[in-house]
Amino acid sequence: PAACSTPDLGVSWRHVDGQPDVAGANRAEAEAVIVEALRRVKAQPLRSLAIVALSRAHADLVESLRTPELAGVLVGTPDRIQGEERDVVLVTFGDTPAAFAHPGAARWLAVATTCAREQLVLFSSFDDAPGTLGELIAYARVPRIIDASEPASPITAAIARALADRGWAI
């Protein structure tokens, strides 16, 4: 997603007061993500949207709450949405952080987060988590603009000069 945080761009996090059931589905999170999806479909009908749930049980719950207004919204788990891109992606975890402490979790998380072109919004009932998941939530919790005044490498500096020489604003 975009490298800055505004109401319509970047990465953000929403805390939901809920608890997962024994299958790993979280009704409060599912309802919150559906409400947000409905709001976005009405307010920004030209932006494409996906809802990614990080367990099959949670995806089934989200799917069961889908309304006719959300017929064009992609809903699924990372294995279903792999290779897809949408302007906005709403990721809902559903379960506890412990459920994501397995080798395949990092891959699923990477798939879920890289299909967002403009904005990624994370929904969770937990505030903190270990490892990559915790790092992602920590990043999403603090809105910031990335300072791109210094090139990341000599290669990016050369590309920036070449584009500026062609009249592009860098």
C-alpha atoms as a PDB file:
ATOM      1  CA  PRO A   1       0.000   0.000   0.000  1.00  0.00           C
ATOM      2  CA  ALA A   2       0.921   3.665  -0.195  1.00  0.00           C
ATOM      3  CA  ALA A   3       3.942   4.661   1.860  1.00  0.00           C
ATOM      4  CA  CYS A   4       2.045   7.240   3.882  1.00  0.00           C
ATOM      5  CA  SER A   5      -0.928   7.123   6.207  1.00  0.00           C
ATOM      6  CA  THR A   6      -4.018   9.177   5.470  1.00  0.00           C
ATOM      7  CA  PRO A   7      -7.657   8.171   5.948  1.00  0.00           C
ATOM      8  CA  ASP A   8      -7.581   6.635   2.440  1.00  0.00           C
ATOM      9  CA  LEU A   9      -3.986   5.392   2.079  1.00  0.00           C
ATOM     10  CA  GLY A  10      -1.328   3.402   3.896  1.00  0.00           C
ATOM     11  CA  VAL A  11      -1.480   0.835   6.647  1.00  0.00           C
ATOM     12  CA  SER A  12      -3.685   1.115   9.733  1.00  0.00           C
ATOM     13  CA  TRP A  13      -4.979  -1.012  12.587  1.00  0.00           C
ATOM     14  CA  ARG A  14      -8.371  -1.270  14.268  1.00  0.00           C
ATOM     15  CA  HIS A  15      -8.823  -2.890  17.656  1.00  0.00           C
ATOM     16  CA  VAL A  16     -12.057  -4.857  18.018  1.00  0.00           C
ATOM     17  CA  ASP A  17     -13.384  -5.934  21.406  1.00  0.00           C
ATOM     18  CA  GLY A  18     -14.089  -9.590  20.726  1.00  0.00           C
ATOM     19  CA  GLN A  19     -13.082 -13.167  21.464  1.00  0.00           C
ATOM     20  CA  PRO A  20     -12.551 -16.084  19.091  1.00  0.00           C
ATOM     21  CA  ASP A  21     -14.653 -19.209  19.395  1.00  0.00           C
ATOM     22  CA  VAL A  22     -13.103 -22.682  19.561  1.00  0.00           C
ATOM     23  CA  ALA A  23     -12.841 -22.842  15.752  1.00  0.00           C
ATOM     24  CA  GLY A  24     -10.907 -19.553  15.580  1.00  0.00           C
ATOM     25  CA  ALA A  25     -13.749 -17.374  14.286  1.00  0.00           C
ATOM     26  CA  ASN A  26     -14.465 -14.058  15.995  1.00  0.00           C
ATOM     27  CA  ARG A  27     -17.977 -12.673  15.506  1.00  0.00           C
ATOM     28  CA  ALA A  28     -17.114  -9.149  16.725  1.00  0.00           C
ATOM     29  CA  GLU A  29     -14.238  -8.879  14.227  1.00  0.00           C
ATOM     30  CA  ALA A  30     -16.337 -10.311  11.411  1.00  0.00           C
ATOM     31  CA  GLU A  31     -19.127  -7.819  12.095  1.00  0.00           C
ATOM     32  CA  ALA A  32     -16.655  -4.908  12.335  1.00  0.00           C
ATOM     33  CA  VAL A  33     -15.041  -5.779   9.000  1.00  0.00           C
ATOM     34  CA  ILE A  34     -18.458  -6.124   7.310  1.00  0.00           C
ATOM     35  CA  VAL A  35     -19.550  -2.713   8.655  1.00  0.00           C
ATOM     36  CA  GLU A  36     -16.315  -1.167   7.350  1.00  0.00           C
ATOM     37  CA  ALA A  37     -16.690  -2.864   3.963  1.00  0.00           C
ATOM     38  CA  LEU A  38     -20.278  -1.576   3.626  1.00  0.00           C
ATOM     39  CA  ARG A  39     -19.151   1.939   4.547  1.00  0.00           C
ATOM     40  CA  ARG A  40     -16.396   1.855   1.950  1.00  0.00           C
ATOM     41  CA  VAL A  41     -18.552   0.397  -0.837  1.00  0.00           C
ATOM     42  CA  LYS A  42     -21.070   3.217  -0.323  1.00  0.00           C
ATOM     43  CA  ALA A  43     -18.516   6.034   0.144  1.00  0.00           C
ATOM     44  CA  GLN A  44     -15.943   4.919  -2.454  1.00  0.00           C
ATOM     45  CA  PRO A  45     -17.682   2.716  -5.033  1.00  0.00           C
ATOM     46  CA  LEU A  46     -14.825   2.964  -7.547  1.00  0.00           C
ATOM     47  CA  ARG A  47     -12.179   1.489  -5.227  1.00  0.00           C
ATOM     48  CA  SER A  48     -11.845  -2.288  -5.352  1.00  0.00           C
ATOM     49  CA  LEU A  49     -12.033  -4.109  -2.032  1.00  0.00           C
ATOM     50  CA  ALA A  50     -11.094  -7.463  -0.518  1.00  0.00           C
ATOM     51  CA  ILE A  51     -11.626  -8.970   2.914  1.00  0.00           C
ATOM     52  CA  VAL A  52      -8.986 -11.475   3.967  1.00  0.00           C
ATOM     53  CA  ALA A  53      -9.635 -13.706   6.976  1.00  0.00           C
ATOM     54  CA  LEU A  54      -6.689 -15.661   8.328  1.00  0.00           C
ATOM     55  CA  SER A  55      -8.532 -18.900   9.015  1.00  0.00           C
ATOM     56  CA  ARG A  56     -11.118 -20.850   7.085  1.00  0.00           C
ATOM     57  CA  ALA A  57     -13.563 -20.788  10.008  1.00  0.00           C
ATOM     58  CA  HIS A  58     -13.278 -17.013  10.248  1.00  0.00           C
ATOM     59  CA  ALA A  59     -13.635 -16.586   6.471  1.00  0.00           C
ATOM     60  CA  ASP A  60     -16.795 -18.703   6.563  1.00  0.00           C
ATOM     61  CA  LEU A  61     -18.197 -16.472   9.312  1.00  0.00           C
ATOM     62  CA  VAL A  62     -17.392 -13.297   7.358  1.00  0.00           C
ATOM     63  CA  GLU A  63     -18.947 -14.835   4.251  1.00  0.00           C
ATOM     64  CA  SER A  64     -22.129 -15.688   6.199  1.00  0.00           C
ATOM     65  CA  LEU A  65     -22.474 -12.017   7.212  1.00  0.00           C
ATOM     66  CA  ARG A  66     -21.964 -10.673   3.674  1.00  0.00           C
ATOM     67  CA  THR A  67     -24.863  -8.571   2.386  1.00  0.00           C
ATOM     68  CA  PRO A  68     -25.972  -8.157  -1.254  1.00  0.00           C
ATOM     69  CA  GLU A  69     -24.204  -4.759  -1.373  1.00  0.00           C
ATOM     70  CA  LEU A  70     -20.920  -6.627  -0.903  1.00  0.00           C
ATOM     71  CA  ALA A  71     -21.444  -9.044  -3.805  1.00  0.00           C
ATOM     72  CA  GLY A  72     -18.449  -7.594  -5.703  1.00  0.00           C
ATOM     73  CA  VAL A  73     -16.084  -7.774  -2.736  1.00  0.00           C
ATOM     74  CA  LEU A  74     -13.544 -10.597  -2.744  1.00  0.00           C
ATOM     75  CA  VAL A  75     -13.709 -12.561   0.533  1.00  0.00           C
ATOM     76  CA  GLY A  76     -11.383 -15.386   1.398  1.00  0.00           C
ATOM     77  CA  THR A  77      -8.326 -16.781   3.073  1.00  0.00           C
ATOM     78  CA  PRO A  78      -4.812 -16.030   1.808  1.00  0.00           C
ATOM     79  CA  ASP A  79      -4.703 -19.232  -0.228  1.00  0.00           C
ATOM     80  CA  ARG A  80      -7.843 -18.124  -2.096  1.00  0.00           C
ATOM     81  CA  ILE A  81      -6.764 -14.545  -2.755  1.00  0.00           C
ATOM     82  CA  GLN A  82      -3.135 -15.257  -3.613  1.00  0.00           C
ATOM     83  CA  GLY A  83      -2.276 -13.416  -6.820  1.00  0.00           C
ATOM     84  CA  GLU A  84      -5.218 -11.018  -6.492  1.00  0.00           C
ATOM     85  CA  GLU A  85      -4.859  -7.273  -5.932  1.00  0.00           C
ATOM     86  CA  ARG A  86      -7.375  -4.745  -4.700  1.00  0.00           C
ATOM     87  CA  ASP A  87      -7.166  -1.031  -3.918  1.00  0.00           C
ATOM     88  CA  VAL A  88      -8.157  -1.672  -0.301  1.00  0.00           C
ATOM     89  CA  VAL A  89      -7.667  -4.868   1.690  1.00  0.00           C
ATOM     90  CA  LEU A  90      -9.281  -5.426   5.078  1.00  0.00           C
ATOM     91  CA  VAL A  91      -7.469  -8.170   7.006  1.00  0.00           C
ATOM     92  CA  THR A  92      -9.253  -9.767   9.938  1.00  0.00           C
ATOM     93  CA  PHE A  93      -7.329 -12.184  12.145  1.00  0.00           C
ATOM     94  CA  GLY A  94     -10.212 -13.699  14.100  1.00  0.00           C
ATOM     95  CA  ASP A  95      -8.117 -15.881  16.352  1.00  0.00           C
ATOM     96  CA  THR A  96      -5.545 -15.258  19.096  1.00  0.00           C
ATOM     97  CA  PRO A  97      -1.878 -14.519  18.319  1.00  0.00           C
ATOM     98  CA  ALA A  98      -0.973 -18.071  19.366  1.00  0.00           C
ATOM     99  CA  ALA A  99      -2.866 -19.394  16.340  1.00  0.00           C
ATOM    100  CA  PHE A 100      -0.344 -17.667  14.075  1.00  0.00           C
ATOM    101  CA  ALA A 101       2.750 -19.162  15.720  1.00  0.00           C
ATOM    102  CA  HIS A 102       3.371 -21.836  13.096  1.00  0.00           C
ATOM    103  CA  PRO A 103       5.747 -21.973  10.111  1.00  0.00           C
ATOM    104  CA  GLY A 104       3.092 -21.243   7.457  1.00  0.00           C
ATOM    105  CA  ALA A 105       1.704 -18.188   9.260  1.00  0.00           C
ATOM    106  CA  ALA A 106       4.354 -15.801   7.951  1.00  0.00           C
ATOM    107  CA  ARG A 107       3.601 -16.873   4.369  1.00  0.00           C
ATOM    108  CA  TRP A 108      -0.163 -16.392   4.840  1.00  0.00           C
ATOM    109  CA  LEU A 109       0.455 -13.004   6.422  1.00  0.00           C
ATOM    110  CA  ALA A 110       2.677 -11.990   3.492  1.00  0.00           C
ATOM    111  CA  VAL A 111      -0.010 -13.000   0.975  1.00  0.00           C
ATOM    112  CA  ALA A 112      -2.733 -11.181   2.924  1.00  0.00           C
ATOM    113  CA  THR A 113      -0.790  -7.941   3.194  1.00  0.00           C
ATOM    114  CA  THR A 114       0.756  -7.722  -0.271  1.00  0.00           C
ATOM    115  CA  CYS A 115      -2.474  -7.761  -2.250  1.00  0.00           C
ATOM    116  CA  ALA A 116      -3.317  -4.169  -1.162  1.00  0.00           C
ATOM    117  CA  ARG A 117      -2.487  -1.508  -3.750  1.00  0.00           C
ATOM    118  CA  GLU A 118      -3.435   1.623  -1.789  1.00  0.00           C
ATOM    119  CA  GLN A 119      -4.602   0.763   1.701  1.00  0.00           C
ATOM    120  CA  LEU A 120      -4.328  -2.094   4.168  1.00  0.00           C
ATOM    121  CA  VAL A 121      -6.497  -2.106   7.303  1.00  0.00           C
ATOM    122  CA  LEU A 122      -5.865  -4.720   9.986  1.00  0.00           C
ATOM    123  CA  PHE A 123      -8.650  -5.765  12.377  1.00  0.00           C
ATOM    124  CA  SER A 124      -7.737  -7.700  15.523  1.00  0.00           C
ATOM    125  CA  SER A 125      -9.006  -8.394  19.013  1.00  0.00           C
ATOM    126  CA  PHE A 126      -5.450  -8.403  20.320  1.00  0.00           C
ATOM    127  CA  ASP A 127      -3.066  -5.485  20.708  1.00  0.00           C
ATOM    128  CA  ASP A 128       0.219  -7.308  20.716  1.00  0.00           C
ATOM    129  CA  ALA A 129       1.681 -10.442  19.190  1.00  0.00           C
ATOM    130  CA  PRO A 130       5.078 -12.094  18.833  1.00  0.00           C
ATOM    131  CA  GLY A 131       7.262 -12.141  15.732  1.00  0.00           C
ATOM    132  CA  THR A 132       6.301 -10.842  12.310  1.00  0.00           C
ATOM    133  CA  LEU A 133       2.649 -10.435  13.252  1.00  0.00           C
ATOM    134  CA  GLY A 134       3.592  -8.231  16.206  1.00  0.00           C
ATOM    135  CA  GLU A 135       5.896  -6.151  14.016  1.00  0.00           C
ATOM    136  CA  LEU A 136       3.130  -5.616  11.463  1.00  0.00           C
ATOM    137  CA  ILE A 137       0.604  -4.552  14.099  1.00  0.00           C
ATOM    138  CA  ALA A 138       3.150  -2.233  15.743  1.00  0.00           C
ATOM    139  CA  TYR A 139       3.818  -0.631  12.349  1.00  0.00           C
ATOM    140  CA  ALA A 140       0.098  -0.267  11.591  1.00  0.00           C
ATOM    141  CA  ARG A 141      -0.717   1.224  15.012  1.00  0.00           C
ATOM    142  CA  VAL A 142       1.462   4.321  14.483  1.00  0.00           C
ATOM    143  CA  PRO A 143       0.444   6.425  11.454  1.00  0.00           C
ATOM    144  CA  ARG A 144       3.471   7.969   9.815  1.00  0.00           C
ATOM    145  CA  ILE A 145       4.807   9.344   6.593  1.00  0.00           C
ATOM    146  CA  ILE A 146       7.955   7.708   5.328  1.00  0.00           C
ATOM    147  CA  ASP A 147      10.715  10.233   4.703  1.00  0.00           C
ATOM    148  CA  ALA A 148      11.951   9.587   1.199  1.00  0.00           C
ATOM    149  CA  SER A 149      14.301  12.571   1.067  1.00  0.00           C
ATOM    150  CA  GLU A 150      17.348  10.282   1.160  1.00  0.00           C
ATOM    151  CA  PRO A 151      17.594   7.534  -1.467  1.00  0.00           C
ATOM    152  CA  ALA A 152      17.675   4.014  -0.074  1.00  0.00           C
ATOM    153  CA  SER A 153      20.633   3.080  -2.287  1.00  0.00           C
ATOM    154  CA  PRO A 154      22.814   4.402  -5.126  1.00  0.00           C
ATOM    155  CA  ILE A 155      20.554   2.551  -7.566  1.00  0.00           C
ATOM    156  CA  THR A 156      17.410   4.328  -6.337  1.00  0.00           C
ATOM    157  CA  ALA A 157      19.308   7.632  -6.467  1.00  0.00           C
ATOM    158  CA  ALA A 158      20.223   6.968 -10.113  1.00  0.00           C
ATOM    159  CA  ILE A 159      16.642   6.061 -10.984  1.00  0.00           C
ATOM    160  CA  ALA A 160      15.387   9.237  -9.258  1.00  0.00           C
ATOM    161  CA  ARG A 161      17.868  11.383 -11.234  1.00  0.00           C
ATOM    162  CA  ALA A 162      16.868   9.739 -14.512  1.00  0.00           C
ATOM    163  CA  LEU A 163      13.170  10.309 -13.840  1.00  0.00           C
ATOM    164  CA  ALA A 164      13.767  13.916 -12.740  1.00  0.00           C
ATOM    165  CA  ASP A 165      15.761  14.506 -15.942  1.00  0.00           C
ATOM    166  CA  ARG A 166      12.642  13.380 -17.855  1.00  0.00           C
ATOM    167  CA  GLY A 167      10.475  15.899 -16.022  1.00  0.00           C
ATOM    168  CA  TRP A 168       8.944  13.628 -13.389  1.00  0.00           C
ATOM    169  CA  ALA A 169       8.321  14.999  -9.889  1.00  0.00           C
ATOM    170  CA  ILE A 170      10.265  12.872  -7.428  1.00  0.00           C
END
